[in-house]
PDB file of all heavy atoms in Angstrom:
ATOM      1  N   ASN A   1       3.874   1.344  50.535  1.00  0.00           N
ATOM      2  CA  ASN A   1       2.724   1.700  51.362  1.00  0.00           C
ATOM      3  C   ASN A   1       1.740   2.505  50.528  1.00  0.00           C
ATOM      4  O   ASN A   1       1.981   3.670  50.215  1.00  0.00           O
ATOM      5  CB  ASN A   1       3.182   2.510  52.579  1.00  0.00           C
ATOM      6  CG  ASN A   1       2.066   2.787  53.568  1.00  0.00           C
ATOM      7  OD1 ASN A   1       0.888   2.750  53.232  1.00  0.00           O
ATOM      8  ND2 ASN A   1       2.425   3.063  54.811  1.00  0.00           N
ATOM      9  N   ALA A   2       0.620   1.905  50.179  1.00  0.00           N
ATOM     10  CA  ALA A   2      -0.336   2.543  49.279  1.00  0.00           C
ATOM     11  C   ALA A   2      -1.033   3.743  49.891  1.00  0.00           C
ATOM     12  O   ALA A   2      -1.681   4.513  49.171  1.00  0.00           O
ATOM     13  CB  ALA A   2      -1.378   1.526  48.820  1.00  0.00           C
ATOM     14  N   THR A   3      -0.926   3.940  51.204  1.00  0.00           N
ATOM     15  CA  THR A   3      -1.588   5.078  51.838  1.00  0.00           C
ATOM     16  C   THR A   3      -0.738   6.341  51.778  1.00  0.00           C
ATOM     17  O   THR A   3      -1.195   7.402  52.204  1.00  0.00           O
ATOM     18  CB  THR A   3      -1.920   4.774  53.307  1.00  0.00           C
ATOM     19  OG1 THR A   3      -0.717   4.751  54.081  1.00  0.00           O
ATOM     20  CG2 THR A   3      -2.644   3.454  53.446  1.00  0.00           C
ATOM     21  N   GLN A   4       0.482   6.242  51.258  1.00  0.00           N
ATOM     22  CA  GLN A   4       1.402   7.374  51.257  1.00  0.00           C
ATOM     23  C   GLN A   4       1.839   7.695  49.828  1.00  0.00           C
ATOM     24  O   GLN A   4       1.569   6.948  48.893  1.00  0.00           O
ATOM     25  CB  GLN A   4       2.620   7.055  52.139  1.00  0.00           C
ATOM     26  CG  GLN A   4       2.248   6.774  53.587  1.00  0.00           C
ATOM     27  CD  GLN A   4       3.434   6.372  54.453  1.00  0.00           C
ATOM     28  OE1 GLN A   4       4.464   5.900  53.963  1.00  0.00           O
ATOM     29  NE2 GLN A   4       3.289   6.552  55.763  1.00  0.00           N
ATOM     30  N   ARG A   5       2.514   8.850  49.649  1.00  0.00           N
ATOM     31  CA  ARG A   5       3.034   9.252  48.346  1.00  0.00           C
ATOM     32  C   ARG A   5       4.374   9.963  48.529  1.00  0.00           C
ATOM     33  O   ARG A   5       4.530  10.785  49.445  1.00  0.00           O
ATOM     34  CB  ARG A   5       2.065  10.206  47.621  1.00  0.00           C
ATOM     35  CG  ARG A   5       0.696   9.636  47.314  1.00  0.00           C
ATOM     36  CD  ARG A   5       0.738   8.529  46.266  1.00  0.00           C
ATOM     37  NE  ARG A   5      -0.614   8.070  45.955  1.00  0.00           N
ATOM     38  CZ  ARG A   5      -1.263   7.109  46.592  1.00  0.00           C
ATOM     39  NH1 ARG A   5      -0.682   6.516  47.626  1.00  0.00           N
ATOM     40  NH2 ARG A   5      -2.476   6.749  46.224  1.00  0.00           N
ATOM     41  N   TYR A   6       5.316   9.665  47.606  1.00  0.00           N
ATOM     42  CA  TYR A   6       6.649  10.265  47.649  1.00  0.00           C
ATOM     43  C   TYR A   6       7.092  10.623  46.235  1.00  0.00           C
ATOM     44  O   TYR A   6       6.605  10.069  45.244  1.00  0.00           O
ATOM     45  CB  TYR A   6       7.648   9.294  48.282  1.00  0.00           C
ATOM     46  CG  TYR A   6       7.291   8.915  49.695  1.00  0.00           C
ATOM     47  CD1 TYR A   6       6.669   7.707  49.977  1.00  0.00           C
ATOM     48  CD2 TYR A   6       7.542   9.789  50.763  1.00  0.00           C
ATOM     49  CE1 TYR A   6       6.314   7.355  51.272  1.00  0.00           C
ATOM     50  CE2 TYR A   6       7.195   9.453  52.056  1.00  0.00           C
ATOM     51  CZ  TYR A   6       6.574   8.243  52.309  1.00  0.00           C
ATOM     52  OH  TYR A   6       6.218   7.904  53.593  1.00  0.00           O
ATOM     53  N   LEU A   7       8.054  11.533  46.150  1.00  0.00           N
ATOM     54  CA  LEU A   7       8.617  11.946  44.866  1.00  0.00           C
ATOM     55  C   LEU A   7       9.827  11.074  44.536  1.00  0.00           C
ATOM     56  O   LEU A   7      10.707  10.869  45.371  1.00  0.00           O
ATOM     57  CB  LEU A   7       9.033  13.416  44.909  1.00  0.00           C
ATOM     58  CG  LEU A   7       9.522  14.009  43.580  1.00  0.00           C
ATOM     59  CD1 LEU A   7       8.375  14.102  42.575  1.00  0.00           C
ATOM     60  CD2 LEU A   7      10.154  15.390  43.795  1.00  0.00           C
ATOM     61  N   TYR A   8       9.841  10.584  43.299  1.00  0.00           N
ATOM     62  CA  TYR A   8      10.957   9.803  42.781  1.00  0.00           C
ATOM     63  C   TYR A   8      11.389  10.410  41.446  1.00  0.00           C
ATOM     64  O   TYR A   8      10.647  11.162  40.810  1.00  0.00           O
ATOM     65  CB  TYR A   8      10.556   8.346  42.548  1.00  0.00           C
ATOM     66  CG  TYR A   8      10.257   7.549  43.790  1.00  0.00           C
ATOM     67  CD1 TYR A   8       9.016   7.640  44.417  1.00  0.00           C
ATOM     68  CD2 TYR A   8      11.206   6.692  44.324  1.00  0.00           C
ATOM     69  CE1 TYR A   8       8.727   6.897  45.555  1.00  0.00           C
ATOM     70  CE2 TYR A   8      10.936   5.934  45.465  1.00  0.00           C
ATOM     71  CZ  TYR A   8       9.689   6.046  46.075  1.00  0.00           C
ATOM     72  OH  TYR A   8       9.419   5.315  47.206  1.00  0.00           O
ATOM     73  N   LYS A   9      12.579  10.035  41.015  1.00  0.00           N
ATOM     74  CA  LYS A   9      12.982  10.371  39.653  1.00  0.00           C
ATOM     75  C   LYS A   9      13.411   9.093  38.940  1.00  0.00           C
ATOM     76  O   LYS A   9      13.873   8.129  39.555  1.00  0.00           O
ATOM     77  CB  LYS A   9      14.106  11.407  39.625  1.00  0.00           C
ATOM     78  CG  LYS A   9      15.458  10.920  40.100  1.00  0.00           C
ATOM     79  CD  LYS A   9      16.529  11.985  39.873  1.00  0.00           C
ATOM     80  CE  LYS A   9      17.906  11.456  40.327  1.00  0.00           C
ATOM     81  NZ  LYS A   9      18.981  12.443  40.075  1.00  0.00           N
ATOM     82  N   ILE A  10      13.233   9.105  37.633  1.00  0.00           N
ATOM     83  CA  ILE A  10      13.583   7.963  36.795  1.00  0.00           C
ATOM     84  C   ILE A  10      14.183   8.527  35.507  1.00  0.00           C
ATOM     85  O   ILE A  10      13.710   9.531  34.985  1.00  0.00           O
ATOM     86  CB  ILE A  10      12.338   7.087  36.500  1.00  0.00           C
ATOM     87  CG1 ILE A  10      12.729   5.745  35.917  1.00  0.00           C
ATOM     88  CG2 ILE A  10      11.345   7.800  35.637  1.00  0.00           C
ATOM     89  CD1 ILE A  10      13.185   4.746  36.945  1.00  0.00           C
ATOM     90  N   PRO A  11      15.260   7.937  34.982  1.00  0.00           N
ATOM     91  CA  PRO A  11      15.863   8.459  33.743  1.00  0.00           C
ATOM     92  C   PRO A  11      14.906   8.382  32.560  1.00  0.00           C
ATOM     93  O   PRO A  11      14.172   7.399  32.390  1.00  0.00           O
ATOM     94  CB  PRO A  11      17.076   7.553  33.538  1.00  0.00           C
ATOM     95  CG  PRO A  11      17.403   7.026  34.888  1.00  0.00           C
ATOM     96  CD  PRO A  11      16.080   6.862  35.578  1.00  0.00           C
ATOM     97  N   LEU A  12      14.922   9.408  31.730  1.00  0.00           N
ATOM     98  CA  LEU A  12      14.048   9.460  30.568  1.00  0.00           C
ATOM     99  C   LEU A  12      14.446   8.464  29.483  1.00  0.00           C
ATOM    100  O   LEU A  12      13.642   8.144  28.607  1.00  0.00           O
ATOM    101  CB  LEU A  12      14.037  10.871  29.979  1.00  0.00           C
ATOM    102  CG  LEU A  12      12.964  11.829  30.501  1.00  0.00           C
ATOM    103  CD1 LEU A  12      13.170  13.220  29.941  1.00  0.00           C
ATOM    104  CD2 LEU A  12      11.578  11.321  30.162  1.00  0.00           C
ATOM    105  N   ASN A  13      15.702   7.990  29.521  1.00  0.00           N
ATOM    106  CA  ASN A  13      16.110   7.030  28.501  1.00  0.00           C
ATOM    107  C   ASN A  13      15.674   5.610  28.829  1.00  0.00           C
ATOM    108  O   ASN A  13      15.855   4.690  28.032  1.00  0.00           O
ATOM    109  CB  ASN A  13      17.623   7.081  28.274  1.00  0.00           C
ATOM    110  CG  ASN A  13      18.417   6.748  29.545  1.00  0.00           C
ATOM    111  OD1 ASN A  13      17.889   6.176  30.502  1.00  0.00           O
ATOM    112  ND2 ASN A  13      19.691   7.115  29.544  1.00  0.00           N
ATOM    113  N   GLY A  14      15.101   5.415  30.027  1.00  0.00           N
ATOM    114  CA  GLY A  14      14.597   4.107  30.401  1.00  0.00           C
ATOM    115  C   GLY A  14      15.641   3.123  30.849  1.00  0.00           C
ATOM    116  O   GLY A  14      15.338   1.946  31.078  1.00  0.00           O
ATOM    117  N   ASN A  15      16.863   3.576  31.042  1.00  0.00           N
ATOM    118  CA  ASN A  15      17.954   2.658  31.362  1.00  0.00           C
ATOM    119  C   ASN A  15      18.443   2.761  32.798  1.00  0.00           C
ATOM    120  O   ASN A  15      19.451   2.156  33.155  1.00  0.00           O
ATOM    121  CB  ASN A  15      19.144   2.908  30.421  1.00  0.00           C
ATOM    122  CG  ASN A  15      18.781   2.638  28.976  1.00  0.00           C
ATOM    123  OD1 ASN A  15      17.991   1.743  28.692  1.00  0.00           O
ATOM    124  ND2 ASN A  15      19.342   3.414  28.064  1.00  0.00           N
ATOM    125  N   GLY A  16      17.762   3.504  33.619  1.00  0.00           N
ATOM    126  CA  GLY A  16      18.236   3.679  34.987  1.00  0.00           C
ATOM    127  C   GLY A  16      17.240   3.189  36.012  1.00  0.00           C
ATOM    128  O   GLY A  16      16.175   2.661  35.684  1.00  0.00           O
ATOM    129  N   LYS A  17      17.584   3.391  37.280  1.00  0.00           N
ATOM    130  CA  LYS A  17      16.743   2.897  38.361  1.00  0.00           C
ATOM    131  C   LYS A  17      15.923   4.025  38.985  1.00  0.00           C
ATOM    132  O   LYS A  17      16.207   5.210  38.806  1.00  0.00           O
ATOM    133  CB  LYS A  17      17.603   2.233  39.427  1.00  0.00           C
ATOM    134  CG  LYS A  17      18.553   3.178  40.141  1.00  0.00           C
ATOM    135  CD  LYS A  17      19.328   2.444  41.231  1.00  0.00           C
ATOM    136  CE  LYS A  17      20.232   3.411  42.001  1.00  0.00           C
ATOM    137  NZ  LYS A  17      20.963   2.728  43.096  1.00  0.00           N
ATOM    138  N   LEU A  18      14.935   3.615  39.745  1.00  0.00           N
ATOM    139  CA  LEU A  18      14.067   4.532  40.465  1.00  0.00           C
ATOM    140  C   LEU A  18      14.810   5.077  41.677  1.00  0.00           C
ATOM    141  O   LEU A  18      15.378   4.309  42.463  1.00  0.00           O
ATOM    142  CB  LEU A  18      12.804   3.800  40.897  1.00  0.00           C
ATOM    143  CG  LEU A  18      11.646   4.613  41.459  1.00  0.00           C
ATOM    144  CD1 LEU A  18      11.014   5.459  40.369  1.00  0.00           C
ATOM    145  CD2 LEU A  18      10.607   3.678  42.068  1.00  0.00           C
ATOM    146  N   THR A  19      14.840   6.403  41.839  1.00  0.00           N
ATOM    147  CA  THR A  19      15.545   7.039  42.947  1.00  0.00           C
ATOM    148  C   THR A  19      14.582   7.904  43.740  1.00  0.00           C
ATOM    149  O   THR A  19      13.906   8.773  43.172  1.00  0.00           O
ATOM    150  CB  THR A  19      16.702   7.917  42.436  1.00  0.00           C
ATOM    151  OG1 THR A  19      17.587   7.113  41.654  1.00  0.00           O
ATOM    152  CG2 THR A  19      17.470   8.532  43.603  1.00  0.00           C
ATOM    153  N   LYS A  20      14.517   7.675  45.039  1.00  0.00           N
ATOM    154  CA  LYS A  20      13.621   8.456  45.882  1.00  0.00           C
ATOM    155  C   LYS A  20      14.199   9.835  46.139  1.00  0.00           C
ATOM    156  O   LYS A  20      15.370   9.971  46.506  1.00  0.00           O
ATOM    157  CB  LYS A  20      13.367   7.725  47.204  1.00  0.00           C
ATOM    158  CG  LYS A  20      12.278   8.351  48.064  1.00  0.00           C
ATOM    159  CD  LYS A  20      12.009   7.511  49.306  1.00  0.00           C
ATOM    160  CE  LYS A  20      10.894   8.089  50.168  1.00  0.00           C
ATOM    161  NZ  LYS A  20      10.624   7.263  51.367  1.00  0.00           N
ATOM    162  N   ILE A  21      13.361  10.867  45.995  1.00  0.00           N
ATOM    163  CA  ILE A  21      13.789  12.258  46.191  1.00  0.00           C
ATOM    164  C   ILE A  21      13.284  12.809  47.520  1.00  0.00           C
ATOM    165  O   ILE A  21      13.994  13.530  48.209  1.00  0.00           O
ATOM    166  CB  ILE A  21      13.287  13.140  45.029  1.00  0.00           C
ATOM    167  CG1 ILE A  21      13.843  12.627  43.695  1.00  0.00           C
ATOM    168  CG2 ILE A  21      13.669  14.590  45.254  1.00  0.00           C
ATOM    169  CD1 ILE A  21      15.339  12.665  43.579  1.00  0.00           C
ATOM    170  N   THR A  22      12.042  12.500  47.893  1.00  0.00           N
ATOM    171  CA  THR A  22      11.480  12.995  49.152  1.00  0.00           C
ATOM    172  C   THR A  22      12.326  12.518  50.328  1.00  0.00           C
ATOM    173  O   THR A  22      12.687  11.338  50.407  1.00  0.00           O
ATOM    174  CB  THR A  22      10.039  12.508  49.339  1.00  0.00           C
ATOM    175  OG1 THR A  22       9.266  12.865  48.189  1.00  0.00           O
ATOM    176  CG2 THR A  22       9.408  13.139  50.570  1.00  0.00           C
ATOM    177  N   LEU A  23      12.641  13.423  51.234  1.00  0.00           N
ATOM    178  CA  LEU A  23      13.478  13.084  52.379  1.00  0.00           C
ATOM    179  C   LEU A  23      12.713  12.234  53.385  1.00  0.00           C
ATOM    180  O   LEU A  23      11.485  12.265  53.460  1.00  0.00           O
ATOM    181  CB  LEU A  23      13.983  14.361  53.044  1.00  0.00           C
ATOM    182  CG  LEU A  23      14.822  15.297  52.147  1.00  0.00           C
ATOM    183  CD1 LEU A  23      15.241  16.535  52.913  1.00  0.00           C
ATOM    184  CD2 LEU A  23      16.037  14.573  51.582  1.00  0.00           C
ATOM    185  N   GLY A  24      13.478  11.488  54.200  1.00  0.00           N
ATOM    186  CA  GLY A  24      12.890  10.506  55.097  1.00  0.00           C
ATOM    187  C   GLY A  24      12.038  11.066  56.202  1.00  0.00           C
ATOM    188  O   GLY A  24      11.228  10.342  56.793  1.00  0.00           O
ATOM    189  N   ASN A  25      12.190  12.353  56.528  1.00  0.00           N
ATOM    190  CA  ASN A  25      11.399  12.920  57.621  1.00  0.00           C
ATOM    191  C   ASN A  25      10.017  13.375  57.172  1.00  0.00           C
ATOM    192  O   ASN A  25       9.266  13.939  57.961  1.00  0.00           O
ATOM    193  CB  ASN A  25      12.146  14.092  58.264  1.00  0.00           C
ATOM    194  CG  ASN A  25      12.509  15.170  57.265  1.00  0.00           C
ATOM    195  OD1 ASN A  25      12.891  14.861  56.145  1.00  0.00           O
ATOM    196  ND2 ASN A  25      12.433  16.420  57.676  1.00  0.00           N
ATOM    197  N   PHE A  26       9.659  13.120  55.922  1.00  0.00           N
ATOM    198  CA  PHE A  26       8.330  13.477  55.413  1.00  0.00           C
ATOM    199  C   PHE A  26       7.529  12.202  55.164  1.00  0.00           C
ATOM    200  O   PHE A  26       7.157  11.889  54.023  1.00  0.00           O
ATOM    201  CB  PHE A  26       8.438  14.307  54.140  1.00  0.00           C
ATOM    202  CG  PHE A  26       9.031  15.666  54.355  1.00  0.00           C
ATOM    203  CD1 PHE A  26      10.336  15.940  53.973  1.00  0.00           C
ATOM    204  CD2 PHE A  26       8.301  16.672  54.966  1.00  0.00           C
ATOM    205  CE1 PHE A  26      10.898  17.192  54.173  1.00  0.00           C
ATOM    206  CE2 PHE A  26       8.846  17.932  55.167  1.00  0.00           C
ATOM    207  CZ  PHE A  26      10.148  18.194  54.783  1.00  0.00           C
ATOM    208  N   GLU A  27       7.234  11.480  56.222  1.00  0.00           N
ATOM    209  CA  GLU A  27       6.497  10.233  56.088  1.00  0.00           C
ATOM    210  C   GLU A  27       5.002  10.523  56.066  1.00  0.00           C
ATOM    211  O   GLU A  27       4.424  10.965  57.053  1.00  0.00           O
ATOM    212  CB  GLU A  27       6.826   9.289  57.247  1.00  0.00           C
ATOM    213  CG  GLU A  27       6.178   7.923  57.122  1.00  0.00           C
ATOM    214  CD  GLU A  27       6.614   6.960  58.197  1.00  0.00           C
ATOM    215  OE1 GLU A  27       7.724   7.135  58.748  1.00  0.00           O
ATOM    216  OE2 GLU A  27       5.832   6.032  58.501  1.00  0.00           O
ATOM    217  N   GLY A  28       4.386  10.292  54.928  1.00  0.00           N
ATOM    218  CA  GLY A  28       2.978  10.594  54.753  1.00  0.00           C
ATOM    219  C   GLY A  28       2.673  10.816  53.294  1.00  0.00           C
ATOM    220  O   GLY A  28       3.183  10.113  52.416  1.00  0.00           O
ATOM    221  N   VAL A  29       1.846  11.807  52.992  1.00  0.00           N
ATOM    222  CA  VAL A  29       1.468  12.131  51.619  1.00  0.00           C
ATOM    223  C   VAL A  29       2.181  13.406  51.201  1.00  0.00           C
ATOM    224  O   VAL A  29       2.028  14.464  51.824  1.00  0.00           O
ATOM    225  CB  VAL A  29      -0.051  12.295  51.494  1.00  0.00           C
ATOM    226  CG1 VAL A  29      -0.431  12.834  50.112  1.00  0.00           C
ATOM    227  CG2 VAL A  29      -0.745  10.958  51.735  1.00  0.00           C
ATOM    228  N   ASN A  30       2.960  13.303  50.138  1.00  0.00           N
ATOM    229  CA  ASN A  30       3.730  14.422  49.612  1.00  0.00           C
ATOM    230  C   ASN A  30       3.285  14.705  48.182  1.00  0.00           C
ATOM    231  O   ASN A  30       3.237  13.796  47.349  1.00  0.00           O
ATOM    232  CB  ASN A  30       5.220  14.090  49.624  1.00  0.00           C
ATOM    233  CG  ASN A  30       5.748  13.839  51.023  1.00  0.00           C
ATOM    234  OD1 ASN A  30       6.194  14.753  51.702  1.00  0.00           O
ATOM    235  ND2 ASN A  30       5.696  12.578  51.474  1.00  0.00           N
TER     236      ASN A  30
END
């Protein structure tokens, strides 16, 4: 959803997957 923003983390070595950090009850722009 391009109207919203969330925090994710990604491994610095480039070998891992994208993981969402922002909790689900914060739907909107973070």
